[in-house]
Amino acid sequence: MTEQTIFANARLILNDEVVAGSLVIADGFITDINQGASVPKGSIDLQGDYLSPGLVELHTDNVERHLEPRPKVSWPFRAAILAHDRELAGAGITTVFDAIRVGSIVSDTGSGYPKYARQMTDEIMGVRAAGLLRISHHIHLRAEICSETLIDELDEFSGDDRIGIVSMMDHTPGQRQFVDLSKFETYVRGKRPYTDAQWDAYVDLLYAIQARLGTKHEAATVAAAKRLGATLASHDDTTADQVASSQSYGVRVAEFPTTVAAADACHANGIATIMGAPNLIRGGSHSGNVAAADLAQMDRLDILSSDYVPAGLLMAAVQLGDIWGNLARGMRTVTDTPAQAVGLIDRGTLAVGQRADLIRFAIKDQTPVLQETWSAGKRVS
């Protein structure tokens, strides 16, 4: 006889509303949902806590933080992945697209951009196959346009790697995320101890790389996404012209547009916009770009990403619910909408037949307090 688990006396966060009810899971899937506050014998009484789909994270650099916990301090790949996995489970994230940089700078060994994508992907696939991961991991290749080895590194991947997302990033100073050169300098020199002369040489190197390889790398990234069957994403679109280029390439998701003009253009072209949870929680972008809260007020924010703070994803979704006066809508930016954007139709909603990826949380003084995380019917945090 199939063993089932019943969650009762919950506030169920559905796609369009929050209702009192109970939910049944068995064999890793949701098998029944009922409204009402009754607590059947043998059920888990959630005592009025919220029950939501598990969070879906499309872009997080968090594994890189575990790989290099301090500047120039390396950590073993497998240990970093397992620590990252457990941190995400503890933050309510049940599906993650691990964002791995592809494209290195080899002519400046002090830049902090060595090659690692192929090895990291192999390690993630290995621990996944061994059943060591608590949540569902997928691969997101962040293709760095301003690099020297991008094409060779992209060629190391094939359809067997099941790449979910390929995003085009161009961190050449003076445009996109770093229109303000001082912000770029603060960001990079905060991690790498360049002298003034070394810094000037590094910036000149980046300009030269972009001028020599930028167009070729952009075309190679688009081609790689098609070859790998991955969702193509843009990164840090700033102008309507950049969005038009993204649309012509087949981009479906725009990560962190930096201006209202770019967000408007994404909306007009049917491209879903991702904004960072830290931007929303902190009240603005650390790079001086458009505030996520402003885009939310303009109905130009579709998906949230934790970016570099996993615990921020649930917090920001609840904050969006307050902004919009609709918790279900806020939570949809971290559940159903990101899942649909990358073709994962088996998760992201509380519905019969969906994966039993669930989180239980309360809200205390406007701050969500995570109680439990379930992945495919198994409690993982």
Foldseek 3Di string as FASTA:
>chain_A
DWDKAKEAQEQEQFLFATAHWMWMDTQQFTADIDGDHDDDPPYHYLNHWYKFFFFAFEAAQALVCLQPVAQPDGDDLLVSVLVVLLVLQQLRHQEYAHEDEAAAADVDVQQPGDDDRVVNLVSVVVCVVVVSGQHHYAHEYEYELLHDCRLVRLVVDALVSLHAEYEYDYPQACDQLHVPNVLVCCVRCVRGVDDPVRVVVVSVSSVVSCVVGNVVSVVSSLVSCVRNVYAYEYERAEALVVLVVCVVSPHQEYEAHFAPRSLVSCVVSNHAYEYELVLAVVVHDSSRGDGPLVCLVVVSHQAYHPHHHSNSQVLSLLVSCVSVVHSSRSLLNGFVRVCVSRVNPQTRGRDGRHGPFMWTWHADPSGIDTDWTHHSRHTSD
